[in-house]
Protein backbone atom coordinates (compact mmCIF):
# COMPACT_ATOMS: atom_id res chain seq x y z
CA MET A 1 0.00 -0.05 -0.02
CA SER A 2 1.48 3.36 -0.98
CA ILE A 3 1.62 6.46 1.38
CA VAL A 4 -0.29 9.46 0.43
CA TRP A 5 -0.12 12.90 1.84
CA THR A 6 -3.08 12.53 4.09
CA ASP A 7 -1.41 9.86 5.94
CA TYR A 8 0.66 12.69 7.53
CA LEU A 9 -2.50 14.28 9.05
CA PRO A 10 -3.77 14.00 12.62
CA SER A 11 -6.65 11.61 12.49
CA ASP A 12 -9.32 14.29 13.38
CA VAL A 13 -8.22 16.58 10.67
CA SER A 14 -8.08 13.56 8.15
CA ARG A 15 -11.69 12.72 9.02
CA ARG A 16 -12.91 16.33 8.50
CA LEU A 17 -11.18 16.62 5.21
CA ALA A 18 -12.66 13.18 4.21
CA GLU A 19 -16.19 14.29 5.27
CA CYS A 20 -15.78 17.75 3.66
CA THR A 21 -16.17 19.44 6.95
CA SER A 22 -12.62 20.92 7.48
CA THR A 23 -12.44 24.07 9.44
CA ARG A 24 -10.27 27.16 9.23
CA ALA A 25 -8.25 25.73 12.26
CA ASP A 26 -7.29 22.66 10.23
CA ILE A 27 -5.32 24.70 7.67
CA PRO A 28 -1.99 24.70 9.38
CA ALA A 29 -2.05 20.91 9.77
CA LEU A 30 -3.15 20.39 6.20
CA VAL A 31 -0.39 22.62 4.86
CA LYS A 32 2.24 20.89 6.98
CA ALA A 33 1.20 17.44 5.86
CA LYS A 34 1.12 18.42 2.21
CA TYR A 35 4.40 20.16 2.31
CA ASP A 36 6.22 17.48 4.39
CA PHE A 37 4.92 14.75 1.95
CA VAL A 38 5.75 16.45 -1.38
CA LYS A 39 8.99 18.06 -0.48
CA GLN A 40 10.35 14.48 -0.10
CA ARG A 41 9.42 13.67 -3.67
CA ARG A 42 9.83 16.90 -5.60
CA SER A 43 12.65 19.53 -5.24
CA GLY A 44 11.64 23.10 -5.42
CA TYR A 45 8.18 22.56 -3.74
CA THR A 46 7.61 25.44 -1.16
CA LYS A 47 5.14 25.93 1.66
CA GLU A 48 3.38 28.47 -0.54
CA ASP A 49 2.81 25.78 -3.14
CA ALA A 50 1.31 23.57 -0.35
CA LEU A 51 -0.94 26.30 0.90
CA VAL A 52 -2.34 27.27 -2.45
CA SER A 53 -3.01 23.63 -3.08
CA ILE A 54 -4.80 23.20 0.24
CA LEU A 55 -6.90 26.43 -0.29
CA ASP A 56 -7.94 24.95 -3.72
CA LEU A 57 -8.94 21.75 -2.19
CA LEU A 58 -10.84 23.28 0.62
CA ASP A 59 -12.65 25.63 -1.84
CA CYS A 60 -13.59 22.54 -3.94
CA ASN A 61 -14.91 20.90 -0.67
CA GLY A 62 -17.08 23.97 -0.11
CA LEU A 63 -14.90 25.92 2.40
CA TYR A 64 -13.78 29.27 1.04
CA VAL A 65 -11.14 30.83 3.26
CA ASP A 66 -10.23 34.45 2.83
CA LEU A 67 -6.80 34.68 4.61
CA THR A 68 -5.32 37.98 5.72
CA LYS A 69 -1.96 38.92 4.54
CA ALA A 70 -0.49 38.16 8.01
CA GLU A 71 -2.29 34.70 8.10
CA TYR A 72 -0.95 33.83 4.78
CA ASN A 73 2.60 34.88 5.48
CA ASN A 74 2.56 33.00 8.77
CA LEU A 75 1.41 29.84 7.03
CA ILE A 76 4.15 29.93 4.34
CA LYS A 77 7.02 30.57 6.87
CA GLU A 78 9.60 27.75 6.71
């Protein structure tokens, strides 16, 4: 069985993601999991890439998040 990026998530965050009930508070864990997984497989992948990917995913799941500039910058700090 192959590992996927969601294997890096805490179980409660993973459950909410699967049920399309993620919350704004889940974003840091989602970004960290996506970044930690992909950076091992692709060079040049940044935390900002992970954040954009997560925001797109959450939008598709019905959760639109409008981050402030400070929140955005805090989430992409390495």
